[in-house]
C-alpha atoms as a PDB file:
ATOM      1  CA  UNK A   1    -120.043  37.482 257.592  1.00  0.00           C
ATOM      2  CA  UNK A   2    -118.059  40.686 257.615  1.00  0.00           C
ATOM      3  CA  UNK A   3    -118.890  43.681 255.134  1.00  0.00           C
ATOM      4  CA  UNK A   4    -119.664  47.451 255.450  1.00  0.00           C
ATOM      5  CA  UNK A   5    -123.254  46.478 256.339  1.00  0.00           C
ATOM      6  CA  UNK A   6    -122.463  43.989 259.070  1.00  0.00           C
ATOM      7  CA  UNK A   7    -124.674  44.365 262.243  1.00  0.00           C
ATOM      8  CA  UNK A   8    -127.592  46.302 260.417  1.00  0.00           C
ATOM      9  CA  UNK A   9    -130.839  44.673 260.224  1.00  0.00           C
ATOM     10  CA  UNK A  10    -132.610  45.708 256.923  1.00  0.00           C
ATOM     11  CA  UNK A  11    -136.285  44.977 256.175  1.00  0.00           C
ATOM     12  CA  UNK A  12    -137.357  44.543 252.581  1.00  0.00           C
ATOM     13  CA  UNK A  13    -141.169  44.809 251.916  1.00  0.00           C
ATOM     14  CA  UNK A  14    -142.097  43.617 248.495  1.00  0.00           C
ATOM     15  CA  UNK A  15    -140.532  44.160 245.277  1.00  0.00           C
ATOM     16  CA  UNK A  16    -139.816  42.405 242.018  1.00  0.00           C
ATOM     17  CA  UNK A  17    -136.600  40.613 240.529  1.00  0.00           C
ATOM     18  CA  UNK A  18    -134.596  43.762 240.914  1.00  0.00           C
ATOM     19  CA  UNK A  19    -135.154  43.853 244.594  1.00  0.00           C
ATOM     20  CA  UNK A  20    -134.300  40.105 244.607  1.00  0.00           C
ATOM     21  CA  UNK A  21    -130.824  40.887 243.257  1.00  0.00           C
ATOM     22  CA  UNK A  22    -130.602  43.630 245.701  1.00  0.00           C
ATOM     23  CA  UNK A  23    -131.193  41.110 248.484  1.00  0.00           C
ATOM     24  CA  UNK A  24    -128.463  38.968 247.394  1.00  0.00           C
ATOM     25  CA  UNK A  25    -125.997  41.941 247.459  1.00  0.00           C
ATOM     26  CA  UNK A  26    -127.085  43.283 250.815  1.00  0.00           C
ATOM     27  CA  UNK A  27    -126.327  39.710 252.401  1.00  0.00           C
ATOM     28  CA  UNK A  28    -122.872  39.784 250.543  1.00  0.00           C
ATOM     29  CA  UNK A  29    -122.164  43.079 252.368  1.00  0.00           C
ATOM     30  CA  UNK A  30    -123.049  41.495 255.675  1.00  0.00           C
ATOM     31  CA  UNK A  31    -126.446  42.916 256.401  1.00  0.00           C
ATOM     32  CA  UNK A  32    -129.030  40.870 258.337  1.00  0.00           C
ATOM     33  CA  UNK A  33    -132.062  41.038 255.846  1.00  0.00           C
ATOM     34  CA  UNK A  34    -135.576  40.085 256.561  1.00  0.00           C
ATOM     35  CA  UNK A  35    -137.744  40.015 253.352  1.00  0.00           C
ATOM     36  CA  UNK A  36    -141.264  39.752 252.882  1.00  0.00           C
ATOM     37  CA  UNK A  37    -142.682  39.638 249.437  1.00  0.00           C
ATOM     38  CA  UNK A  38    -139.340  39.349 247.690  1.00  0.00           C
ATOM     39  CA  UNK A  39    -139.253  36.987 244.657  1.00  0.00           C
ATOM     40  CA  UNK A  40    -137.202  33.694 245.413  1.00  0.00           C
ATOM     41  CA  UNK A  41    -136.507  34.934 249.115  1.00  0.00           C
ATOM     42  CA  UNK A  42    -139.907  34.963 251.296  1.00  0.00           C
ATOM     43  CA  UNK A  43    -141.640  32.395 253.225  1.00  0.00           C
ATOM     44  CA  UNK A  44    -144.064  30.090 251.514  1.00  0.00           C
ATOM     45  CA  UNK A  45    -147.838  30.021 251.414  1.00  0.00           C
ATOM     46  CA  UNK A  46    -148.943  29.735 255.122  1.00  0.00           C
ATOM     47  CA  UNK A  47    -147.776  32.935 256.772  1.00  0.00           C
ATOM     48  CA  UNK A  48    -149.602  35.686 258.534  1.00  0.00           C
ATOM     49  CA  UNK A  49    -148.571  38.458 256.055  1.00  0.00           C
ATOM     50  CA  UNK A  50    -149.409  41.208 258.683  1.00  0.00           C
ATOM     51  CA  UNK A  51    -147.219  39.371 261.469  1.00  0.00           C
ATOM     52  CA  UNK A  52    -144.478  38.708 259.101  1.00  0.00           C
ATOM     53  CA  UNK A  53    -144.332  42.493 258.143  1.00  0.00           C
ATOM     54  CA  UNK A  54    -144.305  43.504 261.777  1.00  0.00           C
ATOM     55  CA  UNK A  55    -141.509  40.788 262.462  1.00  0.00           C
ATOM     56  CA  UNK A  56    -139.472  42.396 259.603  1.00  0.00           C
ATOM     57  CA  UNK A  57    -139.581  45.923 260.736  1.00  0.00           C
ATOM     58  CA  UNK A  58    -139.062  45.491 264.383  1.00  0.00           C
ATOM     59  CA  UNK A  59    -135.372  46.207 265.199  1.00  0.00           C
ATOM     60  CA  UNK A  60    -134.785  47.204 261.596  1.00  0.00           C
ATOM     61  CA  UNK A  61    -132.147  49.921 261.013  1.00  0.00           C
ATOM     62  CA  UNK A  62    -133.429  50.610 257.520  1.00  0.00           C
ATOM     63  CA  UNK A  63    -136.645  49.846 255.412  1.00  0.00           C
ATOM     64  CA  UNK A  64    -136.509  49.259 251.865  1.00  0.00           C
ATOM     65  CA  UNK A  65    -139.777  49.320 249.907  1.00  0.00           C
ATOM     66  CA  UNK A  66    -140.073  48.440 246.194  1.00  0.00           C
ATOM     67  CA  UNK A  67    -138.756  51.110 243.547  1.00  0.00           C
ATOM     68  CA  UNK A  68    -142.576  50.604 242.273  1.00  0.00           C
ATOM     69  CA  UNK A  69    -143.536  51.798 245.739  1.00  0.00           C
ATOM     70  CA  UNK A  70    -147.049  51.315 247.307  1.00  0.00           C
ATOM     71  CA  UNK A  71    -150.483  52.629 246.268  1.00  0.00           C
ATOM     72  CA  UNK A  72    -152.699  55.079 247.957  1.00  0.00           C
ATOM     73  CA  UNK A  73    -154.412  52.298 249.932  1.00  0.00           C
ATOM     74  CA  UNK A  74    -151.260  50.985 251.343  1.00  0.00           C
ATOM     75  CA  UNK A  75    -150.826  47.954 249.034  1.00  0.00           C
ATOM     76  CA  UNK A  76    -147.132  47.193 248.390  1.00  0.00           C
ATOM     77  CA  UNK A  77    -145.877  46.394 245.169  1.00  0.00           C
ATOM     78  CA  UNK A  78    -145.182  42.675 245.247  1.00  0.00           C
ATOM     79  CA  UNK A  79    -146.244  40.922 242.078  1.00  0.00           C
ATOM     80  CA  UNK A  80    -144.844  37.600 242.881  1.00  0.00           C
ATOM     81  CA  UNK A  81    -146.342  37.499 246.506  1.00  0.00           C
ATOM     82  CA  UNK A  82    -149.156  34.936 246.851  1.00  0.00           C
ATOM     83  CA  UNK A  83    -150.941  37.425 249.273  1.00  0.00           C
ATOM     84  CA  UNK A  84    -151.567  41.116 249.248  1.00  0.00           C
ATOM     85  CA  UNK A  85    -148.969  43.037 251.545  1.00  0.00           C
ATOM     86  CA  UNK A  86    -150.163  46.249 253.020  1.00  0.00           C
ATOM     87  CA  UNK A  87    -148.351  49.109 255.164  1.00  0.00           C
ATOM     88  CA  UNK A  88    -150.780  50.119 257.588  1.00  0.00           C
ATOM     89  CA  UNK A  89    -150.849  52.743 260.332  1.00  0.00           C
ATOM     90  CA  UNK A  90    -150.140  49.878 262.937  1.00  0.00           C
ATOM     91  CA  UNK A  91    -147.061  48.766 260.848  1.00  0.00           C
ATOM     92  CA  UNK A  92    -146.051  52.456 260.406  1.00  0.00           C
ATOM     93  CA  UNK A  93    -146.028  52.829 264.217  1.00  0.00           C
ATOM     94  CA  UNK A  94    -143.461  49.944 264.580  1.00  0.00           C
ATOM     95  CA  UNK A  95    -140.987  51.851 262.633  1.00  0.00           C
ATOM     96  CA  UNK A  96    -139.174  54.354 264.937  1.00  0.00           C
ATOM     97  CA  UNK A  97    -138.361  57.848 264.134  1.00  0.00           C
ATOM     98  CA  UNK A  98    -135.231  58.551 262.222  1.00  0.00           C
ATOM     99  CA  UNK A  99    -135.323  55.191 260.566  1.00  0.00           C
ATOM    100  CA  UNK A 100    -134.358  55.532 256.669  1.00  0.00           C
ATOM    101  CA  UNK A 101    -137.175  54.249 254.667  1.00  0.00           C
ATOM    102  CA  UNK A 102    -136.216  53.853 251.026  1.00  0.00           C
ATOM    103  CA  UNK A 103    -138.652  53.866 248.080  1.00  0.00           C
ATOM    104  CA  UNK A 104    -138.721  54.793 244.336  1.00  0.00           C
ATOM    105  CA  UNK A 105    -141.615  57.089 244.506  1.00  0.00           C
ATOM    106  CA  UNK A 106    -143.620  57.768 247.527  1.00  0.00           C
ATOM    107  CA  UNK A 107    -147.392  58.438 247.215  1.00  0.00           C
ATOM    108  CA  UNK A 108    -149.079  60.733 249.611  1.00  0.00           C
ATOM    109  CA  UNK A 109    -150.070  58.209 252.220  1.00  0.00           C
ATOM    110  CA  UNK A 110    -146.381  57.119 252.676  1.00  0.00           C
ATOM    111  CA  UNK A 111    -145.387  60.803 252.990  1.00  0.00           C
ATOM    112  CA  UNK A 112    -147.962  61.289 255.621  1.00  0.00           C
ATOM    113  CA  UNK A 113    -146.721  58.250 257.553  1.00  0.00           C
ATOM    114  CA  UNK A 114    -143.089  59.196 257.343  1.00  0.00           C
ATOM    115  CA  UNK A 115    -144.073  62.837 258.515  1.00  0.00           C
ATOM    116  CA  UNK A 116    -146.366  61.578 261.416  1.00  0.00           C
ATOM    117  CA  UNK A 117    -143.412  59.031 262.679  1.00  0.00           C
ATOM    118  CA  UNK A 118    -140.465  61.013 261.945  1.00  0.00           C
ATOM    119  CA  UNK A 119    -138.708  58.765 259.417  1.00  0.00           C
ATOM    120  CA  UNK A 120    -135.944  59.646 257.189  1.00  0.00           C
ATOM    121  CA  UNK A 121    -137.870  59.034 253.704  1.00  0.00           C
ATOM    122  CA  UNK A 122    -135.825  58.827 250.539  1.00  0.00           C
ATOM    123  CA  UNK A 123    -137.423  58.872 247.173  1.00  0.00           C
ATOM    124  CA  UNK A 124    -134.592  57.326 245.316  1.00  0.00           C
ATOM    125  CA  UNK A 125    -136.043  57.757 241.847  1.00  0.00           C
ATOM    126  CA  UNK A 126    -135.263  61.243 242.377  1.00  0.00           C
ATOM    127  CA  UNK A 127    -131.417  60.880 242.962  1.00  0.00           C
ATOM    128  CA  UNK A 128    -129.299  61.825 239.926  1.00  0.00           C
ATOM    129  CA  UNK A 129    -127.257  58.815 240.135  1.00  0.00           C
ATOM    130  CA  UNK A 130    -130.092  56.347 240.051  1.00  0.00           C
ATOM    131  CA  UNK A 131    -131.879  58.334 237.483  1.00  0.00           C
ATOM    132  CA  UNK A 132    -129.037  58.423 234.970  1.00  0.00           C
ATOM    133  CA  UNK A 133    -128.073  54.965 235.297  1.00  0.00           C
ATOM    134  CA  UNK A 134    -131.801  53.786 234.887  1.00  0.00           C
ATOM    135  CA  UNK A 135    -131.983  55.880 231.912  1.00  0.00           C
ATOM    136  CA  UNK A 136    -130.026  53.131 230.124  1.00  0.00           C
ATOM    137  CA  UNK A 137    -132.231  50.156 230.491  1.00  0.00           C
ATOM    138  CA  UNK A 138    -135.333  52.509 230.399  1.00  0.00           C
ATOM    139  CA  UNK A 139    -134.112  53.569 226.819  1.00  0.00           C
ATOM    140  CA  UNK A 140    -133.426  50.115 225.736  1.00  0.00           C
ATOM    141  CA  UNK A 141    -136.676  48.888 227.064  1.00  0.00           C
ATOM    142  CA  UNK A 142    -138.652  51.597 225.228  1.00  0.00           C
ATOM    143  CA  UNK A 143    -136.907  50.771 222.043  1.00  0.00           C
ATOM    144  CA  UNK A 144    -137.897  47.019 222.343  1.00  0.00           C
ATOM    145  CA  UNK A 145    -141.556  48.050 223.218  1.00  0.00           C
ATOM    146  CA  UNK A 146    -141.728  50.230 220.305  1.00  0.00           C
ATOM    147  CA  UNK A 147    -140.309  47.702 217.827  1.00  0.00           C
ATOM    148  CA  UNK A 148    -142.725  45.096 219.314  1.00  0.00           C
ATOM    149  CA  UNK A 149    -145.786  47.299 218.679  1.00  0.00           C
ATOM    150  CA  UNK A 150    -145.053  49.456 215.464  1.00  0.00           C
ATOM    151  CA  UNK A 151    -145.911  48.274 212.043  1.00  0.00           C
ATOM    152  CA  UNK A 152    -142.757  49.963 210.619  1.00  0.00           C
ATOM    153  CA  UNK A 153    -139.134  50.057 211.417  1.00  0.00           C
ATOM    154  CA  UNK A 154    -137.915  52.660 213.829  1.00  0.00           C
ATOM    155  CA  UNK A 155    -135.348  53.297 211.190  1.00  0.00           C
ATOM    156  CA  UNK A 156    -136.676  56.011 209.083  1.00  0.00           C
ATOM    157  CA  UNK A 157    -139.478  56.666 211.363  1.00  0.00           C
ATOM    158  CA  UNK A 158    -140.505  60.184 212.832  1.00  0.00           C
ATOM    159  CA  UNK A 159    -139.793  59.669 216.453  1.00  0.00           C
ATOM    160  CA  UNK A 160    -140.720  62.459 218.935  1.00  0.00           C
ATOM    161  CA  UNK A 161    -139.318  62.336 222.613  1.00  0.00           C
ATOM    162  CA  UNK A 162    -141.096  64.690 225.035  1.00  0.00           C
ATOM    163  CA  UNK A 163    -138.913  65.997 227.757  1.00  0.00           C
ATOM    164  CA  UNK A 164    -135.187  65.932 227.347  1.00  0.00           C
ATOM    165  CA  UNK A 165    -134.178  64.982 230.882  1.00  0.00           C
ATOM    166  CA  UNK A 166    -131.910  62.076 231.811  1.00  0.00           C
ATOM    167  CA  UNK A 167    -134.336  59.492 230.298  1.00  0.00           C
ATOM    168  CA  UNK A 168    -135.278  61.700 227.274  1.00  0.00           C
ATOM    169  CA  UNK A 169    -131.775  62.463 226.353  1.00  0.00           C
ATOM    170  CA  UNK A 170    -130.661  58.669 226.700  1.00  0.00           C
ATOM    171  CA  UNK A 171    -133.811  57.528 224.555  1.00  0.00           C
ATOM    172  CA  UNK A 172    -133.146  60.335 221.950  1.00  0.00           C
ATOM    173  CA  UNK A 173    -129.530  58.879 221.521  1.00  0.00           C
ATOM    174  CA  UNK A 174    -130.705  55.254 221.137  1.00  0.00           C
ATOM    175  CA  UNK A 175    -133.349  56.374 218.594  1.00  0.00           C
ATOM    176  CA  UNK A 176    -130.890  58.326 216.603  1.00  0.00           C
ATOM    177  CA  UNK A 177    -128.594  55.163 216.890  1.00  0.00           C
ATOM    178  CA  UNK A 178    -131.205  53.132 214.984  1.00  0.00           C
ATOM    179  CA  UNK A 179    -131.788  55.611 212.304  1.00  0.00           C
ATOM    180  CA  UNK A 180    -134.804  57.156 213.494  1.00  0.00           C
ATOM    181  CA  UNK A 181    -135.566  60.891 212.607  1.00  0.00           C
ATOM    182  CA  UNK A 182    -135.522  62.487 216.236  1.00  0.00           C
ATOM    183  CA  UNK A 183    -137.538  65.382 217.262  1.00  0.00           C
ATOM    184  CA  UNK A 184    -137.549  66.567 220.826  1.00  0.00           C
ATOM    185  CA  UNK A 185    -139.794  68.608 222.846  1.00  0.00           C
ATOM    186  CA  UNK A 186    -138.563  70.751 225.914  1.00  0.00           C
ATOM    187  CA  UNK A 187    -139.135  73.668 227.758  1.00  0.00           C
ATOM    188  CA  UNK A 188    -135.606  74.528 228.314  1.00  0.00           C
ATOM    189  CA  UNK A 189    -133.882  76.498 225.765  1.00  0.00           C
ATOM    190  CA  UNK A 190    -130.374  75.187 226.689  1.00  0.00           C
ATOM    191  CA  UNK A 191    -131.676  71.511 226.514  1.00  0.00           C
ATOM    192  CA  UNK A 192    -133.092  72.366 223.219  1.00  0.00           C
ATOM    193  CA  UNK A 193    -129.584  73.748 222.054  1.00  0.00           C
ATOM    194  CA  UNK A 194    -128.023  70.512 223.298  1.00  0.00           C
ATOM    195  CA  UNK A 195    -130.432  68.629 221.125  1.00  0.00           C
ATOM    196  CA  UNK A 196    -129.708  70.570 218.079  1.00  0.00           C
ATOM    197  CA  UNK A 197    -125.931  69.986 218.770  1.00  0.00           C
ATOM    198  CA  UNK A 198    -126.825  66.326 218.457  1.00  0.00           C
ATOM    199  CA  UNK A 199    -128.344  66.822 215.198  1.00  0.00           C
ATOM    200  CA  UNK A 200    -132.025  66.420 216.331  1.00  0.00           C
ATOM    201  CA  UNK A 201    -134.862  68.755 215.722  1.00  0.00           C
ATOM    202  CA  UNK A 202    -135.892  70.538 218.942  1.00  0.00           C
ATOM    203  CA  UNK A 203    -139.004  72.482 219.841  1.00  0.00           C
ATOM    204  CA  UNK A 204    -140.689  74.146 222.897  1.00  0.00           C
ATOM    205  CA  UNK A 205    -143.813  72.851 224.036  1.00  0.00           C
ATOM    206  CA  UNK A 206    -145.687  75.855 222.666  1.00  0.00           C
ATOM    207  CA  UNK A 207    -144.933  74.481 219.017  1.00  0.00           C
ATOM    208  CA  UNK A 208    -146.188  70.777 219.670  1.00  0.00           C
ATOM    209  CA  UNK A 209    -149.560  71.576 218.106  1.00  0.00           C
ATOM    210  CA  UNK A 210    -147.986  72.509 214.717  1.00  0.00           C
ATOM    211  CA  UNK A 211    -145.686  69.466 214.354  1.00  0.00           C
ATOM    212  CA  UNK A 212    -147.151  66.624 216.215  1.00  0.00           C
ATOM    213  CA  UNK A 213    -148.989  65.430 213.172  1.00  0.00           C
ATOM    214  CA  UNK A 214    -145.611  64.349 211.592  1.00  0.00           C
ATOM    215  CA  UNK A 215    -144.904  61.695 214.580  1.00  0.00           C
ATOM    216  CA  UNK A 216    -144.918  58.082 213.840  1.00  0.00           C
ATOM    217  CA  UNK A 217    -144.153  57.294 217.457  1.00  0.00           C
ATOM    218  CA  UNK A 218    -144.189  59.428 220.682  1.00  0.00           C
ATOM    219  CA  UNK A 219    -142.364  58.935 223.712  1.00  0.00           C
ATOM    220  CA  UNK A 220    -143.301  60.995 226.854  1.00  0.00           C
ATOM    221  CA  UNK A 221    -141.125  61.335 229.804  1.00  0.00           C
ATOM    222  CA  UNK A 222    -142.688  64.185 231.456  1.00  0.00           C
ATOM    223  CA  UNK A 223    -144.790  63.282 234.622  1.00  0.00           C
ATOM    224  CA  UNK A 224    -147.635  65.778 233.892  1.00  0.00           C
ATOM    225  CA  UNK A 225    -150.230  66.001 231.486  1.00  0.00           C
ATOM    226  CA  UNK A 226    -148.771  66.974 228.199  1.00  0.00           C
ATOM    227  CA  UNK A 227    -150.528  64.923 225.738  1.00  0.00           C
ATOM    228  CA  UNK A 228    -153.882  66.249 226.020  1.00  0.00           C
ATOM    229  CA  UNK A 229    -156.972  65.439 224.043  1.00  0.00           C
ATOM    230  CA  UNK A 230    -156.471  68.444 221.595  1.00  0.00           C
ATOM    231  CA  UNK A 231    -153.085  67.130 220.967  1.00  0.00           C
ATOM    232  CA  UNK A 232    -153.915  63.710 220.419  1.00  0.00           C
ATOM    233  CA  UNK A 233    -156.688  64.517 217.952  1.00  0.00           C
ATOM    234  CA  UNK A 234    -153.978  66.141 215.828  1.00  0.00           C
ATOM    235  CA  UNK A 235    -151.752  63.093 215.613  1.00  0.00           C
ATOM    236  CA  UNK A 236    -151.882  60.428 212.895  1.00  0.00           C
ATOM    237  CA  UNK A 237    -154.311  57.535 213.422  1.00  0.00           C
ATOM    238  CA  UNK A 238    -151.794  55.023 213.446  1.00  0.00           C
ATOM    239  CA  UNK A 239    -149.405  56.851 215.969  1.00  0.00           C
ATOM    240  CA  UNK A 240    -148.002  54.818 218.905  1.00  0.00           C
ATOM    241  CA  UNK A 241    -147.671  56.571 222.111  1.00  0.00           C
ATOM    242  CA  UNK A 242    -145.273  55.079 224.817  1.00  0.00           C
ATOM    243  CA  UNK A 243    -145.556  57.024 228.186  1.00  0.00           C
ATOM    244  CA  UNK A 244    -142.468  56.369 230.343  1.00  0.00           C
ATOM    245  CA  UNK A 245    -143.659  58.773 233.205  1.00  0.00           C
ATOM    246  CA  UNK A 246    -144.625  57.362 236.622  1.00  0.00           C
ATOM    247  CA  UNK A 247    -148.251  56.728 236.868  1.00  0.00           C
ATOM    248  CA  UNK A 248    -150.556  58.161 235.811  1.00  0.00           C
ATOM    249  CA  UNK A 249    -148.278  59.442 233.312  1.00  0.00           C
ATOM    250  CA  UNK A 250    -148.595  62.435 230.904  1.00  0.00           C
ATOM    251  CA  UNK A 251    -151.116  61.125 228.485  1.00  0.00           C
ATOM    252  CA  UNK A 252    -154.850  61.549 228.563  1.00  0.00           C
ATOM    253  CA  UNK A 253    -155.492  57.752 228.161  1.00  0.00           C
ATOM    254  CA  UNK A 254    -159.195  58.151 228.033  1.00  0.00           C
ATOM    255  CA  UNK A 255    -159.076  60.566 225.210  1.00  0.00           C
ATOM    256  CA  UNK A 256    -156.524  58.292 223.254  1.00  0.00           C
ATOM    257  CA  UNK A 257    -158.844  55.557 223.606  1.00  0.00           C
ATOM    258  CA  UNK A 258    -161.982  57.486 222.230  1.00  0.00           C
ATOM    259  CA  UNK A 259    -159.737  58.600 219.457  1.00  0.00           C
ATOM    260  CA  UNK A 260    -158.464  55.096 218.728  1.00  0.00           C
ATOM    261  CA  UNK A 261    -154.773  56.087 219.267  1.00  0.00           C
ATOM    262  CA  UNK A 262    -152.788  53.134 220.579  1.00  0.00           C
ATOM    263  CA  UNK A 263    -151.294  54.521 223.857  1.00  0.00           C
ATOM    264  CA  UNK A 264    -149.371  52.413 226.411  1.00  0.00           C
ATOM    265  CA  UNK A 265    -148.261  53.379 229.930  1.00  0.00           C
ATOM    266  CA  UNK A 266    -144.816  51.742 230.541  1.00  0.00           C
ATOM    267  CA  UNK A 267    -143.138  52.914 233.811  1.00  0.00           C
ATOM    268  CA  UNK A 268    -140.573  50.653 235.631  1.00  0.00           C
ATOM    269  CA  UNK A 269    -139.005  49.262 232.369  1.00  0.00           C
ATOM    270  CA  UNK A 270    -135.598  48.797 234.148  1.00  0.00           C
ATOM    271  CA  UNK A 271    -137.216  46.034 236.346  1.00  0.00           C
ATOM    272  CA  UNK A 272    -138.971  44.493 233.355  1.00  0.00           C
ATOM    273  CA  UNK A 273    -136.383  44.340 230.670  1.00  0.00           C
ATOM    274  CA  UNK A 274    -133.206  44.238 232.759  1.00  0.00           C
ATOM    275  CA  UNK A 275    -133.916  43.369 236.339  1.00  0.00           C
ATOM    276  CA  UNK A 276    -130.347  42.254 236.977  1.00  0.00           C
ATOM    277  CA  UNK A 277    -128.862  45.569 235.823  1.00  0.00           C
ATOM    278  CA  UNK A 278    -131.609  47.417 237.592  1.00  0.00           C
ATOM    279  CA  UNK A 279    -130.819  45.339 240.802  1.00  0.00           C
ATOM    280  CA  UNK A 280    -127.244  45.981 240.700  1.00  0.00           C
ATOM    281  CA  UNK A 281    -128.132  49.713 240.121  1.00  0.00           C
ATOM    282  CA  UNK A 282    -129.924  49.559 243.383  1.00  0.00           C
ATOM    283  CA  UNK A 283    -126.977  47.701 245.114  1.00  0.00           C
ATOM    284  CA  UNK A 284    -124.651  50.295 243.917  1.00  0.00           C
ATOM    285  CA  UNK A 285    -126.635  53.205 245.562  1.00  0.00           C
ATOM    286  CA  UNK A 286    -128.727  51.797 248.621  1.00  0.00           C
ATOM    287  CA  UNK A 287    -125.857  50.635 250.853  1.00  0.00           C
ATOM    288  CA  UNK A 288    -124.156  53.962 250.963  1.00  0.00           C
ATOM    289  CA  UNK A 289    -127.432  55.748 251.340  1.00  0.00           C
ATOM    290  CA  UNK A 290    -128.249  53.580 254.352  1.00  0.00           C
ATOM    291  CA  UNK A 291    -124.929  54.040 255.902  1.00  0.00           C
ATOM    292  CA  UNK A 292    -124.839  57.716 255.583  1.00  0.00           C
ATOM    293  CA  UNK A 293    -128.387  57.989 257.100  1.00  0.00           C
ATOM    294  CA  UNK A 294    -127.469  56.025 260.167  1.00  0.00           C
ATOM    295  CA  UNK A 295    -124.209  58.119 260.624  1.00  0.00           C
ATOM    296  CA  UNK A 296    -126.343  61.165 260.842  1.00  0.00           C
ATOM    297  CA  UNK A 297    -126.598  62.761 264.359  1.00  0.00           C
END
């Protein structure tokens, strides 16, 4: 089958329903795809996981790991796989130098492997195009989660958004659209000015202690500890906190539990609430990224 990826072998290791959508699109573009742990694609129960992973990466022009990534022990995110899948140093050694390896967010172990073996490691969650497009299903998913968990309507609620990046801005707009009273917290004066232009209250982080007690629901998008124990202690007892930052999030969850504040870590919402859209976003970005990587001298 022809296509711009014709003649290129791609190994897909793990993933969820969005990687299953990506798999179909890569085949449509002519790629030879060897998949292990991809929902609806991989082999059945009786296969040796390590051998299957080795077979997949051998001769591959590119490696695709899940957007959700691998943990620090090398466990590949593959929630529908019947067996745990690990990327080991032996497996890493089978991936030649220069191979593009695509993943959402890379933990230190994978970065260490990439440096040792000379891969081209791409953390795709950092790409502007992907982050902007994923902000849409993330915002919708966060809205759905809040509606399920809150005992009040979002309409008329005091909704705080911490961080006015791509996700934060999209989320603030969605909340505004359903009638919430939106307050944003951001360190950038320019971003706060844009929030003011939209009709939202906007404050720097230094003012959080003075205003956080007003919040009915707090959405955090900042991947650093911003909701500390001292700030959580000043929130309403019935407040709902939804942390959208990558694990471990930006909330002191241990303190939240001790204070009996409901706090939920909710990364990866696009793959949960809109897997087809999320998969098509990957299919829009990954083929060009792979081709550009392979064309580099």
